[in-house]
Amino acid sequence: MNSKFLLFTIVFYCLFSACNSSKKENKKLLDDQLITFKEKIKSPKDMIWVASKTFLMGAKEGDNLAMPREKPAHNVYVDGFYIDTHEVTNAQFKAFVAATNYVTTAERPINWDEIKKDLPLNTPKPDASVLQPGSLIFNKKATGVVSMANYQQWWIWKVGANWKQPAGPGSSIEGKDNFPVVHVGLEDALAYCKWANRRLPTEAEWESAAQGNNTNNIFVWGNNKQDLNTNANTWQGQFPTTNNSEDGYDYISPVKSYPSNEIGLYDMAGNVWEITTDLFNVNYYKMLNINEVLKNPIGAKTSYSPSNPYQLEHVIKGGSFLCHESYCASFRISARMGMEPSSSSDHIGFRTVVTKEMLSKTK
């Protein structure tokens, strides 16, 4: 979220020989397909193994919706890992809170002295009535939108909105155990990961998972944009005022409501944005040597967005139920946006990953 957006939320995110190379490659393939008897690691419940591979990260050829921050495309190698088959759900997050008594950032008192450190100098202090715990919710009654650059027209800072009350006071998640948990920030996701012996994916890991068995798809289902409505929960109609719900849902949907990708992962496009560990820098790809294959990249060293020069931001991936071609078109694998760590909303969630090494340490 840029600084103006944050203020708004307060007020309303070896070469060796050919023989040796062949042997190493064969061993790598075996490691990806099997967990050795020596390790004796059981495949985690509700997680899918993503085999190590080299793939094309960033904007693909023929993707006319790609943005400058997704370019240039570059080859990346990522080791194998397990990833959740779907976003972390309300039921899963509820179990975490019950076990730890954790309080999310959206539920905590707001400290203006801390917040203003990340805002432009002399930013006026908002009225006390809005300096209360809360989060962003989408304005379902948005009308008369004048400029698509003014996102304040379709976002509302809702006092009392949090993961248990996603639409604000009076709302609840009763009967929605299988919906993605929302109104969680980076700190909340990391706390859940620590409890569950998991971690958040890097952006490269996320894209590797979204590609599945492929290496250069534009979408998780292939390269045909016409298949969007049957494969992802996104916006149809005129954003942000009219949603025709051609995909079956007006807003957020239960996990696994749409087909999985080839390796069994659901909702890698649409529904809710997913948090990664990488810092968001619009110039990061331009600083890379595209003639080299990056191995397990962890992203930019610094965060930078011209629209948010005062804030630290992390990369979020996959788009959400609000994505539309006329606005962000972030239902593509390479799409990337930034989220300020303490920000939260009703269209951002997360999923976790774990490696064999992490699982070994719990034995």
Protein backbone atom coordinates (compact mmCIF):
# COMPACT_ATOMS: atom_id res chain seq x y z
CA MET A 1 0.00 0.00 0.00
CA ASN A 2 1.36 3.47 -0.77
CA SER A 3 1.61 6.20 1.85
CA LYS A 4 -1.52 7.96 0.69
CA PHE A 5 -3.33 4.64 0.79
CA LEU A 6 -2.12 3.90 4.31
CA LEU A 7 -3.24 7.31 5.52
CA PHE A 8 -6.54 6.66 3.83
CA THR A 9 -6.91 3.38 5.70
CA ILE A 10 -6.43 5.23 8.91
CA VAL A 11 -8.94 7.72 7.85
CA PHE A 12 -11.26 5.19 5.68
CA TYR A 13 -0.77 -2.73 1.11
CA CYS A 14 30.35 -26.12 -12.91
CA LEU A 15 30.72 -26.94 -15.01
CA PHE A 16 31.64 -30.64 -14.57
CA SER A 17 31.86 -33.42 -17.10
CA ALA A 18 28.80 -34.48 -19.03
CA CYS A 19 28.76 -37.72 -17.08
CA ASN A 20 28.85 -36.00 -13.69
CA SER A 21 26.17 -33.52 -14.77
CA SER A 22 23.93 -36.35 -15.87
CA LYS A 23 24.37 -38.19 -12.57
CA LYS A 24 23.58 -35.07 -10.57
CA GLU A 25 20.51 -34.35 -12.66
CA ASN A 26 19.21 -37.90 -12.23
CA LYS A 27 19.75 -37.68 -8.46
CA LYS A 28 17.92 -34.35 -8.38
CA LEU A 29 14.95 -35.87 -10.20
CA LEU A 30 14.82 -38.71 -7.71
CA ASP A 31 15.00 -36.30 -4.79
CA ASP A 32 12.08 -34.35 -6.24
CA GLN A 33 9.91 -37.39 -6.76
CA LEU A 34 10.69 -39.36 -3.61
CA ILE A 35 11.35 -38.72 0.04
CA THR A 36 14.24 -41.01 0.89
CA PHE A 37 13.85 -43.82 3.45
CA LYS A 38 16.65 -42.21 5.44
CA GLU A 39 14.62 -39.04 5.92
CA LYS A 40 11.39 -40.89 6.77
CA ILE A 41 9.32 -37.76 6.26
CA LYS A 42 5.59 -38.10 5.74
CA SER A 43 3.99 -35.81 3.18
CA PRO A 44 2.24 -33.01 5.14
CA LYS A 45 -1.53 -33.01 5.11
CA ASP A 46 -3.17 -30.71 2.56
CA MET A 47 0.14 -29.78 0.95
CA ILE A 48 1.49 -30.48 -2.53
CA TRP A 49 5.08 -31.14 -3.54
CA VAL A 50 6.45 -28.65 -6.09
CA ALA A 51 9.38 -30.24 -7.89
CA SER A 52 12.57 -28.27 -8.40
CA LYS A 53 12.81 -26.73 -11.84
CA THR A 54 14.03 -23.87 -13.98
CA PHE A 55 11.24 -21.69 -15.35
CA LEU A 56 10.65 -18.28 -16.89
CA MET A 57 9.73 -15.74 -14.22
CA GLY A 58 8.11 -12.44 -15.11
CA ALA A 59 6.11 -11.26 -18.13
CA LYS A 60 5.67 -13.88 -20.84
CA GLU A 61 5.74 -13.36 -24.57
CA GLY A 62 2.25 -12.54 -25.81
CA ASP A 63 1.03 -11.24 -22.46
CA ASN A 64 -0.40 -7.88 -23.45
CA LEU A 65 -1.57 -7.19 -19.92
CA ALA A 66 1.92 -7.36 -18.38
CA MET A 67 3.13 -4.26 -16.55
CA PRO A 68 6.65 -2.73 -16.61
CA ARG A 69 7.39 -4.03 -13.10
CA GLU A 70 7.04 -7.59 -14.47
CA LYS A 71 9.75 -7.07 -17.09
CA PRO A 72 12.10 -8.35 -18.31
CA ALA A 73 11.33 -12.05 -17.97
CA HIS A 74 14.26 -14.05 -16.62
CA ASN A 75 15.11 -17.69 -15.96
CA VAL A 76 14.97 -18.86 -12.36
CA TYR A 77 15.80 -22.16 -10.68
CA VAL A 78 13.92 -23.06 -7.49
CA ASP A 79 14.48 -26.08 -5.24
CA GLY A 80 11.54 -28.35 -4.47
CA PHE A 81 9.19 -27.62 -1.56
CA TYR A 82 5.72 -28.34 -0.24
CA ILE A 83 2.98 -25.72 -0.48
CA ASP A 84 -0.58 -25.54 0.87
CA THR A 85 -3.16 -26.80 -1.58
CA HIS A 86 -5.22 -23.69 -0.85
CA GLU A 87 -5.11 -20.45 1.11
CA VAL A 88 -5.02 -20.64 4.91
CA THR A 89 -8.68 -20.84 5.95
CA ASN A 90 -10.70 -19.33 8.76
CA ALA A 91 -10.77 -22.75 10.43
CA GLN A 92 -7.00 -23.08 10.33
CA PHE A 93 -6.42 -19.56 11.60
CA LYS A 94 -9.04 -20.09 14.30
CA ALA A 95 -7.10 -23.12 15.57
CA PHE A 96 -3.93 -21.03 15.69
CA VAL A 97 -5.61 -18.24 17.68
CA ALA A 98 -7.21 -20.74 20.06
CA ALA A 99 -3.82 -22.30 20.77
CA THR A 100 -1.87 -19.06 21.17
CA ASN A 101 -4.36 -16.31 22.08
CA TYR A 102 -2.85 -14.31 19.23
CA VAL A 103 -4.27 -10.87 18.49
CA THR A 104 -4.00 -9.65 14.89
CA THR A 105 -2.77 -6.22 13.91
CA ALA A 106 -6.28 -5.22 12.82
CA GLU A 107 -7.49 -5.88 16.38
CA ARG A 108 -4.80 -3.90 18.19
CA PRO A 109 -4.96 -0.26 19.34
CA ILE A 110 -3.51 2.18 16.82
CA ASN A 111 -0.33 4.02 17.79
CA TRP A 112 -0.21 7.26 15.82
CA ASP A 113 3.34 8.05 16.93
CA GLU A 114 4.51 4.82 15.29
CA ILE A 115 2.42 5.15 12.15
CA LYS A 116 3.47 8.70 11.35
CA LYS A 117 7.11 7.61 11.12
CA ASP A 118 6.25 6.01 7.79
CA LEU A 119 4.25 8.94 6.47
CA PRO A 120 5.33 12.21 4.84
CA LEU A 121 6.55 14.83 7.27
CA ASN A 122 3.79 16.95 8.82
CA THR A 123 1.01 14.53 7.84
CA PRO A 124 -1.97 15.69 9.92
CA LYS A 125 -3.20 13.39 12.64
CA PRO A 126 -6.62 11.90 11.79
CA ASP A 127 -9.58 12.32 14.10
CA ALA A 128 -9.63 10.03 17.12
CA SER A 129 -12.85 8.45 15.84
CA VAL A 130 -10.94 6.70 13.05
CA LEU A 131 -7.76 5.98 15.02
CA GLN A 132 -9.30 2.76 16.25
CA PRO A 133 -8.63 -0.89 15.42
CA GLY A 134 -10.00 -1.82 12.02
CA SER A 135 -9.19 -2.73 8.46
CA LEU A 136 -10.06 -2.01 4.85
CA ILE A 137 -13.20 -3.38 3.25
CA PHE A 138 -14.36 -3.09 -0.33
CA ASN A 139 -17.17 -0.58 -0.84
CA LYS A 140 -19.88 -2.71 -2.42
CA LYS A 141 -21.96 0.42 -3.02
CA ALA A 142 -19.33 2.34 -4.96
CA THR A 143 -20.96 4.62 -7.53
CA GLY A 144 -20.02 7.59 -9.63
CA VAL A 145 -16.38 6.58 -9.99
CA VAL A 146 -14.58 9.45 -11.71
CA SER A 147 -10.99 8.24 -11.94
CA MET A 148 -9.63 4.69 -11.78
CA ALA A 149 -6.48 6.16 -10.23
CA ASN A 150 -8.45 7.16 -7.13
CA TYR A 151 -8.89 3.84 -5.32
CA GLN A 152 -10.32 5.66 -2.30
CA GLN A 153 -13.61 5.57 -4.18
CA TRP A 154 -14.02 1.83 -3.63
CA TRP A 155 -12.27 1.27 -0.30
CA ILE A 156 -13.58 2.01 3.19
CA TRP A 157 -11.64 2.06 6.47
CA LYS A 158 -13.96 0.07 8.71
CA VAL A 159 -13.48 0.36 12.46
CA GLY A 160 -13.98 -3.09 13.97
CA ALA A 161 -13.27 -5.04 10.78
CA ASN A 162 -10.94 -7.99 11.39
CA TRP A 163 -10.59 -11.67 10.55
CA LYS A 164 -13.51 -12.60 12.85
CA GLN A 165 -15.69 -9.74 11.60
CA PRO A 166 -14.69 -9.42 7.93
CA ALA A 167 -17.36 -6.86 7.06
CA GLY A 168 -17.13 -5.00 10.37
CA PRO A 169 -19.14 -5.14 13.62
CA GLY A 170 -22.15 -7.41 13.33
CA SER A 171 -20.59 -9.65 10.70
CA SER A 172 -18.98 -13.01 11.44
CA ILE A 173 -17.27 -16.03 9.92
CA GLU A 174 -19.85 -18.46 11.24
CA GLY A 175 -20.41 -21.10 8.60
CA LYS A 176 -17.35 -19.92 6.69
CA ASP A 177 -14.65 -22.19 8.05
CA ASN A 178 -13.60 -23.08 4.50
CA PHE A 179 -13.19 -19.47 3.34
CA PRO A 180 -9.72 -17.88 3.17
CA VAL A 181 -8.82 -15.92 6.29
CA VAL A 182 -8.56 -12.20 5.47
CA HIS A 183 -7.72 -8.97 7.28
CA VAL A 184 -4.31 -10.39 8.12
CA GLY A 185 -1.03 -8.56 7.66
CA LEU A 186 2.52 -9.80 7.25
CA GLU A 187 3.13 -10.02 11.01
CA ASP A 188 -0.01 -12.09 11.44
CA ALA A 189 0.95 -14.48 8.64
CA LEU A 190 4.46 -14.90 10.07
CA ALA A 191 3.06 -15.62 13.53
CA TYR A 192 0.84 -18.34 12.07
CA CYS A 193 3.82 -19.80 10.20
CA LYS A 194 5.91 -19.96 13.36
CA TRP A 195 3.13 -21.83 15.17
CA ALA A 196 2.59 -24.25 12.28
CA ASN A 197 6.30 -24.83 11.50
CA ARG A 198 5.82 -23.30 8.09
CA ARG A 199 7.03 -20.20 6.30
CA LEU A 200 5.77 -17.87 3.62
CA PRO A 201 6.89 -18.54 0.04
CA THR A 202 9.30 -16.36 -1.85
CA GLU A 203 7.89 -14.79 -4.99
CA ALA A 204 9.92 -17.24 -7.10
CA GLU A 205 8.57 -20.20 -5.13
CA TRP A 206 5.06 -18.89 -5.54
CA GLU A 207 5.47 -18.60 -9.31
CA SER A 208 7.04 -22.05 -9.51
CA ALA A 209 4.01 -23.48 -7.71
CA ALA A 210 1.59 -21.55 -9.92
CA GLN A 211 3.32 -22.90 -13.03
CA GLY A 212 2.87 -26.46 -11.77
CA ASN A 213 4.47 -28.79 -14.31
CA ASN A 214 4.92 -25.94 -16.77
CA THR A 215 7.69 -23.39 -17.18
CA ASN A 216 6.29 -20.40 -19.08
CA ASN A 217 2.49 -20.23 -18.79
CA ILE A 218 0.77 -16.88 -18.58
CA PHE A 219 -2.07 -18.26 -16.44
CA VAL A 220 -2.24 -21.16 -14.00
CA TRP A 221 -4.52 -23.03 -16.44
CA GLY A 222 -2.54 -22.27 -19.62
CA ASN A 223 -2.42 -19.34 -22.02
CA ASN A 224 -6.04 -18.75 -22.97
CA LYS A 225 -7.52 -15.72 -21.23
CA GLN A 226 -11.00 -16.78 -22.35
CA ASP A 227 -10.89 -19.54 -19.71
CA LEU A 228 -10.62 -17.02 -16.85
CA ASN A 229 -14.19 -17.17 -15.54
CA THR A 230 -14.19 -20.96 -15.19
CA ASN A 231 -10.80 -21.05 -13.47
CA ALA A 232 -10.64 -18.10 -11.08
CA ASN A 233 -12.76 -15.90 -8.84
CA THR A 234 -12.36 -12.45 -10.37
CA TRP A 235 -14.54 -9.48 -11.27
CA GLN A 236 -16.87 -9.49 -14.28
CA GLY A 237 -18.67 -6.41 -15.50
CA GLN A 238 -17.67 -2.81 -14.89
CA PHE A 239 -15.13 -2.44 -12.09
CA PRO A 240 -15.77 -1.30 -9.37
CA THR A 241 -19.48 -0.56 -9.71
CA THR A 242 -21.05 -3.59 -11.41
CA ASN A 243 -20.17 -7.25 -10.87
CA ASN A 244 -22.05 -9.64 -13.15
CA SER A 245 -20.74 -12.62 -11.15
CA GLU A 246 -20.36 -14.78 -14.24
CA ASP A 247 -17.93 -17.00 -12.33
CA GLY A 248 -20.51 -17.80 -9.68
CA TYR A 249 -19.43 -15.49 -6.84
CA ASP A 250 -19.93 -11.80 -6.15
CA TYR A 251 -16.99 -11.51 -3.79
CA ILE A 252 -14.78 -13.94 -1.84
CA SER A 253 -15.44 -17.65 -2.37
CA PRO A 254 -14.72 -20.83 -0.38
CA VAL A 255 -11.36 -22.44 -1.10
CA LYS A 256 -11.33 -25.07 -3.87
CA SER A 257 -14.38 -23.53 -5.58
CA TYR A 258 -12.53 -23.56 -8.90
CA PRO A 259 -10.38 -26.16 -10.69
CA SER A 260 -6.83 -26.68 -9.46
CA ASN A 261 -3.75 -26.31 -11.60
CA GLU A 262 -2.01 -29.41 -12.96
CA ILE A 263 -0.37 -30.33 -9.66
CA GLY A 264 -3.45 -29.83 -7.49
CA LEU A 265 -3.14 -26.26 -6.21
CA TYR A 266 -6.30 -24.19 -5.86
CA ASP A 267 -6.89 -20.43 -6.04
CA MET A 268 -3.44 -19.51 -7.33
CA ALA A 269 -5.38 -16.95 -9.38
CA GLY A 270 -8.11 -14.72 -7.96
CA ASN A 271 -10.08 -14.94 -4.71
CA VAL A 272 -7.49 -13.33 -2.36
CA TRP A 273 -4.02 -11.92 -2.82
CA GLU A 274 -1.27 -14.00 -1.19
CA ILE A 275 1.64 -12.58 0.81
CA THR A 276 5.25 -13.50 -0.02
CA THR A 277 8.53 -12.73 1.72
CA ASP A 278 10.05 -10.65 -1.11
CA LEU A 279 10.35 -6.89 -0.87
CA PHE A 280 8.41 -5.07 -3.58
CA ASN A 281 10.62 -3.02 -5.87
CA VAL A 282 9.27 -1.90 -9.25
CA ASN A 283 12.82 -1.82 -10.67
CA TYR A 284 14.03 -5.17 -9.34
CA TYR A 285 13.73 -7.16 -12.56
CA LYS A 286 15.49 -4.44 -14.52
CA MET A 287 18.53 -4.79 -12.23
CA LEU A 288 18.95 -8.52 -12.90
CA ASN A 289 21.37 -10.16 -15.32
CA ILE A 290 18.92 -11.95 -17.61
CA ASN A 291 21.78 -13.97 -19.11
CA GLU A 292 22.14 -15.89 -15.86
CA VAL A 293 19.80 -18.39 -14.22
CA LEU A 294 18.98 -17.10 -10.75
CA LYS A 295 19.01 -19.84 -8.12
CA ASN A 296 16.45 -19.59 -5.32
CA PRO A 297 16.18 -15.79 -5.49
CA ILE A 298 14.81 -14.00 -2.45
CA GLY A 299 13.93 -10.73 -4.15
CA ALA A 300 15.11 -7.15 -4.00
CA LYS A 301 17.33 -5.87 -1.20
CA THR A 302 15.27 -2.72 -0.85
CA SER A 303 11.64 -1.81 -1.32
CA TYR A 304 10.69 0.88 -3.81
CA SER A 305 7.50 2.09 -5.42
CA PRO A 306 7.21 5.61 -6.85
CA SER A 307 3.65 5.83 -5.58
CA ASN A 308 4.75 4.78 -2.10
CA PRO A 309 8.26 6.14 -1.44
CA TYR A 310 7.89 6.27 2.34
CA GLN A 311 6.75 2.73 3.01
CA LEU A 312 8.27 -0.72 3.13
CA GLU A 313 6.26 -3.08 0.94
CA HIS A 314 6.20 -6.83 0.33
CA VAL A 315 5.15 -8.59 -2.84
CA ILE A 316 1.67 -10.08 -3.00
CA LYS A 317 0.69 -12.50 -5.75
CA GLY A 318 -2.27 -14.06 -7.51
CA GLY A 319 -4.80 -11.25 -7.59
CA SER A 320 -8.20 -11.36 -5.90
CA PHE A 321 -11.94 -11.37 -6.49
CA LEU A 322 -11.58 -7.67 -7.36
CA CYS A 323 -9.20 -8.17 -10.29
CA HIS A 324 -10.46 -7.04 -13.68
CA GLU A 325 -8.74 -6.49 -17.00
CA SER A 326 -9.66 -2.79 -16.96
CA TYR A 327 -7.83 -2.23 -13.68
CA CYS A 328 -5.06 -4.56 -12.50
CA ALA A 329 -5.48 -7.85 -14.43
CA SER A 330 -3.48 -9.55 -11.69
CA PHE A 331 -4.92 -13.00 -12.34
CA ARG A 332 -1.73 -13.69 -14.34
CA ILE A 333 1.17 -15.67 -12.81
CA SER A 334 3.70 -12.86 -13.30
CA ALA A 335 1.48 -10.13 -11.80
CA ARG A 336 2.88 -8.53 -8.67
CA MET A 337 1.83 -5.74 -6.32
CA GLY A 338 3.11 -4.28 -3.07
CA MET A 339 1.57 -4.44 0.40
CA GLU A 340 2.64 -2.46 3.45
CA PRO A 341 3.35 -5.02 6.23
CA SER A 342 0.82 -3.74 8.76
CA SER A 343 -1.96 -3.18 6.23
CA SER A 344 -4.87 -5.58 5.93
CA SER A 345 -8.04 -5.86 3.92
CA ASP A 346 -10.84 -8.21 2.93
CA HIS A 347 -9.02 -9.37 -0.21
CA ILE A 348 -5.58 -10.34 1.15
CA GLY A 349 -4.72 -13.71 2.67
CA PHE A 350 -1.80 -16.13 2.48
CA ARG A 351 -0.66 -19.73 2.07
CA THR A 352 2.41 -21.41 3.50
CA VAL A 353 5.29 -23.61 2.38
CA VAL A 354 7.60 -26.08 4.09
CA THR A 355 10.80 -27.82 3.01
CA LYS A 356 12.02 -31.34 3.75
CA GLU A 357 14.73 -29.82 5.94
CA MET A 358 12.14 -28.00 8.03
CA LEU A 359 10.14 -31.19 8.44
CA SER A 360 13.28 -33.14 9.42
CA LYS A 361 13.94 -30.79 12.32
CA THR A 362 10.60 -31.62 13.88
CA LYS A 363 11.35 -35.32 14.08
